C-alpha cells in the first residue's frame, strides 16, 4: 500500500511534470542546438528532435492542468 501511495503521489505531482517537460526540452535542444537550422532546411530529423517535441507536448499538457485548476478555483470563489 505504501508503494502505491508513493507512485500515485509522484504521478499526480504537477510541478514534477512541468520540471520533466522543461528538462526534456533542454535535453533535446542541447543535442541539436548547433545544427537546428541545417536539420530543418534539409529535412534531416534525428531522435533529439523527437525528444524535444515530446518535451513540448508534456509541458503543454502539464500547463493545461494548472489552467484547469485555476478555472476550478475561480468557479469555487464565485
PDB file of N, CA and C in Angstrom:
ATOM      1  N   UNK A   1       0.811  -1.197   0.000  1.00  0.00           N
ATOM      2  CA  UNK A   1       0.000   0.000   0.000  1.00  0.00           C
ATOM      3  C   UNK A   1       0.856   1.263   0.000  1.00  0.00           C
ATOM      4  N   UNK A   2       1.985   1.222   0.690  1.00  0.00           N
ATOM      5  CA  UNK A   2       2.844   2.404   0.751  1.00  0.00           C
ATOM      6  C   UNK A   2       3.426   2.691  -0.621  1.00  0.00           C
ATOM      7  N   UNK A   3       3.834   1.655  -1.342  1.00  0.00           N
ATOM      8  CA  UNK A   3       4.394   1.843  -2.677  1.00  0.00           C
ATOM      9  C   UNK A   3       3.347   2.434  -3.618  1.00  0.00           C
ATOM     10  N   UNK A   4       2.122   1.987  -3.508  1.00  0.00           N
ATOM     11  CA  UNK A   4       1.037   2.517  -4.337  1.00  0.00           C
ATOM     12  C   UNK A   4       0.827   4.001  -4.056  1.00  0.00           C
ATOM     13  N   UNK A   5       0.870   4.390  -2.799  1.00  0.00           N
ATOM     14  CA  UNK A   5       0.703   5.785  -2.406  1.00  0.00           C
ATOM     15  C   UNK A   5       1.830   6.642  -2.968  1.00  0.00           C
ATOM     16  N   UNK A   6       3.050   6.141  -2.916  1.00  0.00           N
ATOM     17  CA  UNK A   6       4.195   6.882  -3.446  1.00  0.00           C
ATOM     18  C   UNK A   6       4.067   7.061  -4.955  1.00  0.00           C
ATOM     19  N   UNK A   7       3.708   6.000  -5.654  1.00  0.00           N
ATOM     20  CA  UNK A   7       3.573   6.068  -7.113  1.00  0.00           C
ATOM     21  C   UNK A   7       2.477   7.048  -7.502  1.00  0.00           C
ATOM     22  N   UNK A   8       1.348   7.004  -6.823  1.00  0.00           N
ATOM     23  CA  UNK A   8       0.256   7.922  -7.142  1.00  0.00           C
ATOM     24  C   UNK A   8       0.620   9.370  -6.848  1.00  0.00           C
ATOM     25  N   UNK A   9       1.342   9.608  -5.773  1.00  0.00           N
ATOM     26  CA  UNK A   9       1.721  10.992  -5.452  1.00  0.00           C
ATOM     27  C   UNK A   9       2.719  11.537  -6.460  1.00  0.00           C
ATOM     28  N   UNK A  10       3.617  10.716  -6.955  1.00  0.00           N
ATOM     29  CA  UNK A  10       4.562  11.161  -7.985  1.00  0.00           C
ATOM     30  C   UNK A  10       3.834  11.372  -9.311  1.00  0.00           C
ATOM     31  N   UNK A  11       2.922  10.490  -9.643  1.00  0.00           N
ATOM     32  CA  UNK A  11       2.213  10.592 -10.918  1.00  0.00           C
ATOM     33  C   UNK A  11       1.297  11.800 -10.976  1.00  0.00           C
ATOM     34  N   UNK A  12       0.812  12.268  -9.838  1.00  0.00           N
ATOM     35  CA  UNK A  12      -0.116  13.397  -9.819  1.00  0.00           C
ATOM     36  C   UNK A  12       0.559  14.729  -9.488  1.00  0.00           C
ATOM     37  N   UNK A  13       1.864  14.739  -9.326  1.00  0.00           N
ATOM     38  CA  UNK A  13       2.577  15.955  -8.963  1.00  0.00           C
ATOM     39  C   UNK A  13       2.748  16.852 -10.192  1.00  0.00           C
ATOM     40  N   UNK A  14       2.031  17.961 -10.228  1.00  0.00           N
ATOM     41  CA  UNK A  14       2.049  18.857 -11.390  1.00  0.00           C
ATOM     42  C   UNK A  14       3.399  19.539 -11.561  1.00  0.00           C
ATOM     43  N   UNK A  15       4.033  19.882 -10.455  1.00  0.00           N
ATOM     44  CA  UNK A  15       5.332  20.560 -10.537  1.00  0.00           C
ATOM     45  C   UNK A  15       6.402  19.639 -11.116  1.00  0.00           C
ATOM     46  N   UNK A  16       6.330  18.370 -10.783  1.00  0.00           N
ATOM     47  CA  UNK A  16       7.267  17.405 -11.338  1.00  0.00           C
ATOM     48  C   UNK A  16       7.075  17.276 -12.850  1.00  0.00           C
ATOM     49  N   UNK A  17       5.826  17.302 -13.298  1.00  0.00           N
ATOM     50  CA  UNK A  17       5.557  17.202 -14.726  1.00  0.00           C
ATOM     51  C   UNK A  17       6.069  18.423 -15.490  1.00  0.00           C
ATOM     52  N   UNK A  18       5.944  19.603 -14.915  1.00  0.00           N
ATOM     53  CA  UNK A  18       6.492  20.804 -15.540  1.00  0.00           C
ATOM     54  C   UNK A  18       8.016  20.697 -15.618  1.00  0.00           C
ATOM     55  N   UNK A  19       8.626  20.264 -14.527  1.00  0.00           N
ATOM     56  CA  UNK A  19      10.076  20.095 -14.492  1.00  0.00           C
ATOM     57  C   UNK A  19      10.534  19.088 -15.541  1.00  0.00           C
ATOM     58  N   UNK A  20       9.842  17.951 -15.651  1.00  0.00           N
ATOM     59  CA  UNK A  20      10.213  16.941 -16.636  1.00  0.00           C
ATOM     60  C   UNK A  20      10.067  17.461 -18.063  1.00  0.00           C
ATOM     61  N   UNK A  21       9.018  18.244 -18.316  1.00  0.00           N
ATOM     62  CA  UNK A  21       8.845  18.820 -19.641  1.00  0.00           C
ATOM     63  C   UNK A  21       9.969  19.777 -19.995  1.00  0.00           C
ATOM     64  N   UNK A  22      10.331  20.636 -19.058  1.00  0.00           N
ATOM     65  CA  UNK A  22      11.407  21.601 -19.307  1.00  0.00           C
ATOM     66  C   UNK A  22      12.737  20.874 -19.496  1.00  0.00           C
ATOM     67  N   UNK A  23      13.015  19.881 -18.683  1.00  0.00           N
ATOM     68  CA  UNK A  23      14.283  19.154 -18.804  1.00  0.00           C
ATOM     69  C   UNK A  23      14.360  18.343 -20.095  1.00  0.00           C
ATOM     70  N   UNK A  24      13.232  17.801 -20.544  1.00  0.00           N
ATOM     71  CA  UNK A  24      13.220  17.061 -21.804  1.00  0.00           C
ATOM     72  C   UNK A  24      13.462  17.998 -22.979  1.00  0.00           C
ATOM     73  N   UNK A  25      12.859  19.178 -22.948  1.00  0.00           N
ATOM     74  CA  UNK A  25      13.107  20.168 -23.996  1.00  0.00           C
ATOM     75  C   UNK A  25      14.571  20.578 -23.985  1.00  0.00           C
ATOM     76  N   UNK A  26      15.114  20.813 -22.796  1.00  0.00           N
ATOM     77  CA  UNK A  26      16.518  21.204 -22.688  1.00  0.00           C
ATOM     78  C   UNK A  26      17.439  20.113 -23.222  1.00  0.00           C
ATOM     79  N   UNK A  27      17.156  18.853 -22.894  1.00  0.00           N
ATOM     80  CA  UNK A  27      17.990  17.747 -23.364  1.00  0.00           C
ATOM     81  C   UNK A  27      17.961  17.641 -24.881  1.00  0.00           C
ATOM     82  N   UNK A  28      16.785  17.774 -25.469  1.00  0.00           N
ATOM     83  CA  UNK A  28      16.691  17.721 -26.928  1.00  0.00           C
ATOM     84  C   UNK A  28      17.371  18.905 -27.579  1.00  0.00           C
ATOM     85  N   UNK A  29      17.175  20.084 -27.007  1.00  0.00           N
ATOM     86  CA  UNK A  29      17.762  21.293 -27.595  1.00  0.00           C
ATOM     87  C   UNK A  29      19.281  21.288 -27.476  1.00  0.00           C
ATOM     88  N   UNK A  30      19.819  20.768 -26.383  1.00  0.00           N
ATOM     89  CA  UNK A  30      21.273  20.736 -26.238  1.00  0.00           C
ATOM     90  C   UNK A  30      21.915  19.798 -27.254  1.00  0.00           C
ATOM     91  N   UNK A  31      21.190  18.795 -27.687  1.00  0.00           N
ATOM     92  CA  UNK A  31      21.720  17.875 -28.699  1.00  0.00           C
ATOM     93  C   UNK A  31      21.724  18.487 -30.100  1.00  0.00           C
ATOM     94  N   UNK A  32      20.739  19.320 -30.406  1.00  0.00           N
ATOM     95  CA  UNK A  32      20.601  19.815 -31.776  1.00  0.00           C
ATOM     96  C   UNK A  32      20.842  21.308 -31.911  1.00  0.00           C
ATOM     97  N   UNK A  33      21.336  21.952 -30.862  1.00  0.00           N
ATOM     98  CA  UNK A  33      21.463  23.411 -30.898  1.00  0.00           C
ATOM     99  C   UNK A  33      22.390  23.901 -32.010  1.00  0.00           C
ATOM    100  N   UNK A  34      23.434  23.188 -32.315  1.00  0.00           N
ATOM    101  CA  UNK A  34      24.370  23.633 -33.342  1.00  0.00           C
ATOM    102  C   UNK A  34      23.883  23.415 -34.764  1.00  0.00           C
ATOM    103  N   UNK A  35      23.015  22.452 -34.962  1.00  0.00           N
ATOM    104  CA  UNK A  35      22.600  22.099 -36.321  1.00  0.00           C
ATOM    105  C   UNK A  35      21.106  22.249 -36.551  1.00  0.00           C
ATOM    106  N   UNK A  36      20.430  23.047 -35.750  1.00  0.00           N
ATOM    107  CA  UNK A  36      18.972  23.147 -35.823  1.00  0.00           C
ATOM    108  C   UNK A  36      18.499  23.674 -37.170  1.00  0.00           C
ATOM    109  N   UNK A  37      19.064  24.765 -37.634  1.00  0.00           N
ATOM    110  CA  UNK A  37      18.640  25.361 -38.910  1.00  0.00           C
ATOM    111  C   UNK A  37      18.976  24.440 -40.069  1.00  0.00           C
ATOM    112  N   UNK A  38      20.153  23.837 -40.047  1.00  0.00           N
ATOM    113  CA  UNK A  38      20.548  22.924 -41.128  1.00  0.00           C
ATOM    114  C   UNK A  38      19.656  21.686 -41.165  1.00  0.00           C
ATOM    115  N   UNK A  39      19.304  21.161 -40.007  1.00  0.00           N
ATOM    116  CA  UNK A  39      18.457  19.965 -39.952  1.00  0.00           C
ATOM    117  C   UNK A  39      17.072  20.233 -40.521  1.00  0.00           C
ATOM    118  N   UNK A  40      16.486  21.382 -40.183  1.00  0.00           N
ATOM    119  CA  UNK A  40      15.156  21.677 -40.697  1.00  0.00           C
ATOM    120  C   UNK A  40      15.172  22.046 -42.174  1.00  0.00           C
ATOM    121  N   UNK A  41      16.233  22.683 -42.636  1.00  0.00           N
ATOM    122  CA  UNK A  41      16.288  23.044 -44.060  1.00  0.00           C
ATOM    123  C   UNK A  41      16.526  21.828 -44.937  1.00  0.00           C
ATOM    124  N   UNK A  42      17.230  20.828 -44.424  1.00  0.00           N
ATOM    125  CA  UNK A  42      17.491  19.617 -45.216  1.00  0.00           C
ATOM    126  C   UNK A  42      16.556  18.466 -44.856  1.00  0.00           C
ATOM    127  N   UNK A  43      15.577  18.695 -43.986  1.00  0.00           N
ATOM    128  CA  UNK A  43      14.629  17.678 -43.529  1.00  0.00           C
ATOM    129  C   UNK A  43      15.352  16.469 -42.944  1.00  0.00           C
ATOM    130  N   UNK A  44      16.440  16.726 -42.232  1.00  0.00           N
ATOM    131  CA  UNK A  44      17.225  15.671 -41.604  1.00  0.00           C
ATOM    132  C   UNK A  44      16.877  15.635 -40.119  1.00  0.00           C
ATOM    133  N   UNK A  45      15.834  14.896 -39.763  1.00  0.00           N
ATOM    134  CA  UNK A  45      15.387  14.845 -38.384  1.00  0.00           C
ATOM    135  C   UNK A  45      16.070  13.706 -37.643  1.00  0.00           C
ATOM    136  N   UNK A  46      16.403  13.965 -36.396  1.00  0.00           N
ATOM    137  CA  UNK A  46      17.097  12.991 -35.558  1.00  0.00           C
ATOM    138  C   UNK A  46      16.221  12.663 -34.351  1.00  0.00           C
ATOM    139  N   UNK A  47      16.701  11.779 -33.529  1.00  0.00           N
ATOM    140  CA  UNK A  47      15.968  11.413 -32.319  1.00  0.00           C
ATOM    141  C   UNK A  47      15.826  12.575 -31.357  1.00  0.00           C
ATOM    142  N   UNK A  48      16.805  13.468 -31.337  1.00  0.00           N
ATOM    143  CA  UNK A  48      16.745  14.615 -30.433  1.00  0.00           C
ATOM    144  C   UNK A  48      15.594  15.549 -30.790  1.00  0.00           C
ATOM    145  N   UNK A  49      15.251  15.613 -32.076  1.00  0.00           N
ATOM    146  CA  UNK A  49      14.098  16.412 -32.474  1.00  0.00           C
ATOM    147  C   UNK A  49      12.818  15.824 -31.868  1.00  0.00           C
ATOM    148  N   UNK A  50      12.721  14.511 -31.866  1.00  0.00           N
ATOM    149  CA  UNK A  50      11.566  13.847 -31.268  1.00  0.00           C
ATOM    150  C   UNK A  50      11.512  14.049 -29.764  1.00  0.00           C
ATOM    151  N   UNK A  51      12.677  14.025 -29.123  1.00  0.00           N
ATOM    152  CA  UNK A  51      12.736  14.258 -27.681  1.00  0.00           C
ATOM    153  C   UNK A  51      12.243  15.660 -27.370  1.00  0.00           C
ATOM    154  N   UNK A  52      12.663  16.626 -28.166  1.00  0.00           N
ATOM    155  CA  UNK A  52      12.226  17.996 -27.955  1.00  0.00           C
ATOM    156  C   UNK A  52      10.714  18.126 -28.157  1.00  0.00           C
ATOM    157  N   UNK A  53      10.183  17.474 -29.175  1.00  0.00           N
ATOM    158  CA  UNK A  53       8.752  17.506 -29.460  1.00  0.00           C
ATOM    159  C   UNK A  53       7.955  16.886 -28.305  1.00  0.00           C
ATOM    160  N   UNK A  54       8.426  15.764 -27.790  1.00  0.00           N
ATOM    161  CA  UNK A  54       7.757  15.119 -26.659  1.00  0.00           C
ATOM    162  C   UNK A  54       7.814  16.019 -25.431  1.00  0.00           C
ATOM    163  N   UNK A  55       8.929  16.705 -25.235  1.00  0.00           N
ATOM    164  CA  UNK A  55       9.043  17.632 -24.111  1.00  0.00           C
ATOM    165  C   UNK A  55       8.060  18.778 -24.214  1.00  0.00           C
ATOM    166  N   UNK A  56       7.886  19.315 -25.420  1.00  0.00           N
ATOM    167  CA  UNK A  56       6.924  20.404 -25.623  1.00  0.00           C
ATOM    168  C   UNK A  56       5.509  19.919 -25.346  1.00  0.00           C
ATOM    169  N   UNK A  57       5.167  18.749 -25.845  1.00  0.00           N
ATOM    170  CA  UNK A  57       3.831  18.201 -25.592  1.00  0.00           C
ATOM    171  C   UNK A  57       3.608  17.951 -24.104  1.00  0.00           C
ATOM    172  N   UNK A  58       4.603  17.423 -23.436  1.00  0.00           N
ATOM    173  CA  UNK A  58       4.485  17.149 -22.000  1.00  0.00           C
ATOM    174  C   UNK A  58       4.323  18.449 -21.216  1.00  0.00           C
ATOM    175  N   UNK A  59       5.087  19.456 -21.589  1.00  0.00           N
ATOM    176  CA  UNK A  59       4.995  20.742 -20.895  1.00  0.00           C
ATOM    177  C   UNK A  59       3.638  21.389 -21.125  1.00  0.00           C
ATOM    178  N   UNK A  60       3.137  21.357 -22.353  1.00  0.00           N
ATOM    179  CA  UNK A  60       1.824  21.937 -22.634  1.00  0.00           C
ATOM    180  C   UNK A  60       0.716  21.208 -21.880  1.00  0.00           C
ATOM    181  N   UNK A  61       0.822  19.896 -21.807  1.00  0.00           N
ATOM    182  CA  UNK A  61      -0.184  19.120 -21.076  1.00  0.00           C
ATOM    183  C   UNK A  61      -0.167  19.469 -19.586  1.00  0.00           C
ATOM    184  N   UNK A  62       1.022  19.593 -19.021  1.00  0.00           N
ATOM    185  CA  UNK A  62       1.088  19.903 -17.591  1.00  0.00           C
ATOM    186  C   UNK A  62       0.646  21.336 -17.313  1.00  0.00           C
ATOM    187  N   UNK A  63       0.923  22.264 -18.216  1.00  0.00           N
ATOM    188  CA  UNK A  63       0.457  23.635 -18.028  1.00  0.00           C
ATOM    189  C   UNK A  63      -1.057  23.728 -18.160  1.00  0.00           C
ATOM    190  N   UNK A  64      -1.639  22.891 -19.018  1.00  0.00           N
ATOM    191  CA  UNK A  64      -3.096  22.900 -19.141  1.00  0.00           C
ATOM    192  C   UNK A  64      -3.762  22.428 -17.848  1.00  0.00           C
ATOM    193  N   UNK A  65      -3.099  21.554 -17.103  1.00  0.00           N
ATOM    194  CA  UNK A  65      -3.640  21.129 -15.809  1.00  0.00           C
ATOM    195  C   UNK A  65      -3.643  22.283 -14.816  1.00  0.00           C
ATOM    196  N   UNK A  66      -2.620  23.133 -14.862  1.00  0.00           N
ATOM    197  CA  UNK A  66      -2.590  24.305 -13.994  1.00  0.00           C
ATOM    198  C   UNK A  66      -3.720  25.271 -14.355  1.00  0.00           C
ATOM    199  N   UNK A  67      -3.958  25.469 -15.637  1.00  0.00           N
ATOM    200  CA  UNK A  67      -5.028  26.369 -16.076  1.00  0.00           C
ATOM    201  C   UNK A  67      -6.385  25.817 -15.667  1.00  0.00           C
ATOM    202  N   UNK A  68      -6.566  24.518 -15.813  1.00  0.00           N
ATOM    203  CA  UNK A  68      -7.824  23.891 -15.407  1.00  0.00           C
ATOM    204  C   UNK A  68      -8.043  24.029 -13.897  1.00  0.00           C
ATOM    205  N   UNK A  69      -6.990  23.856 -13.124  1.00  0.00           N
ATOM    206  CA  UNK A  69      -7.104  24.014 -11.675  1.00  0.00           C
ATOM    207  C   UNK A  69      -7.440  25.457 -11.310  1.00  0.00           C
ATOM    208  N   UNK A  70      -6.873  26.420 -12.044  1.00  0.00           N
ATOM    209  CA  UNK A  70      -7.178  27.829 -11.778  1.00  0.00           C
ATOM    210  C   UNK A  70      -8.636  28.137 -12.111  1.00  0.00           C
ATOM    211  N   UNK A  71      -9.158  27.523 -13.171  1.00  0.00           N
ATOM    212  CA  UNK A  71     -10.575  27.709 -13.510  1.00  0.00           C
ATOM    213  C   UNK A  71     -11.481  27.168 -12.410  1.00  0.00           C
ATOM    214  N   UNK A  72     -11.154  25.981 -11.898  1.00  0.00           N
ATOM    215  CA  UNK A  72     -11.942  25.396 -10.817  1.00  0.00           C
ATOM    216  C   UNK A  72     -11.894  26.285  -9.575  1.00  0.00           C
ATOM    217  N   UNK A  73     -10.726  26.844  -9.292  1.00  0.00           N
ATOM    218  CA  UNK A  73     -10.577  27.703  -8.139  1.00  0.00           C
ATOM    219  C   UNK A  73     -11.403  28.980  -8.309  1.00  0.00           C
ATOM    220  N   UNK A  74     -11.394  29.537  -9.514  1.00  0.00           N
ATOM    221  CA  UNK A  74     -12.176  30.751  -9.789  1.00  0.00           C
ATOM    222  C   UNK A  74     -13.670  30.468  -9.645  1.00  0.00           C
ATOM    223  N   UNK A  75     -14.126  29.312 -10.151  1.00  0.00           N
ATOM    224  CA  UNK A  75     -15.543  28.964 -10.048  1.00  0.00           C
ATOM    225  C   UNK A  75     -15.960  28.756  -8.599  1.00  0.00           C
ATOM    226  N   UNK A  76     -15.067  28.195  -7.793  1.00  0.00           N
ATOM    227  CA  UNK A  76     -15.430  27.946  -6.395  1.00  0.00           C
ATOM    228  C   UNK A  76     -15.468  29.250  -5.591  1.00  0.00           C
ATOM    229  N   UNK A  77     -14.671  30.226  -5.995  1.00  0.00           N
ATOM    230  CA  UNK A  77     -14.687  31.527  -5.301  1.00  0.00           C
ATOM    231  C   UNK A  77     -15.955  32.286  -5.646  1.00  0.00           C
ATOM    232  N   UNK A  78     -16.392  32.196  -6.903  1.00  0.00           N
ATOM    233  CA  UNK A  78     -17.595  32.909  -7.338  1.00  0.00           C
ATOM    234  C   UNK A  78     -18.803  32.236  -6.805  1.00  0.00           C
TER     235      UNK A  78
END
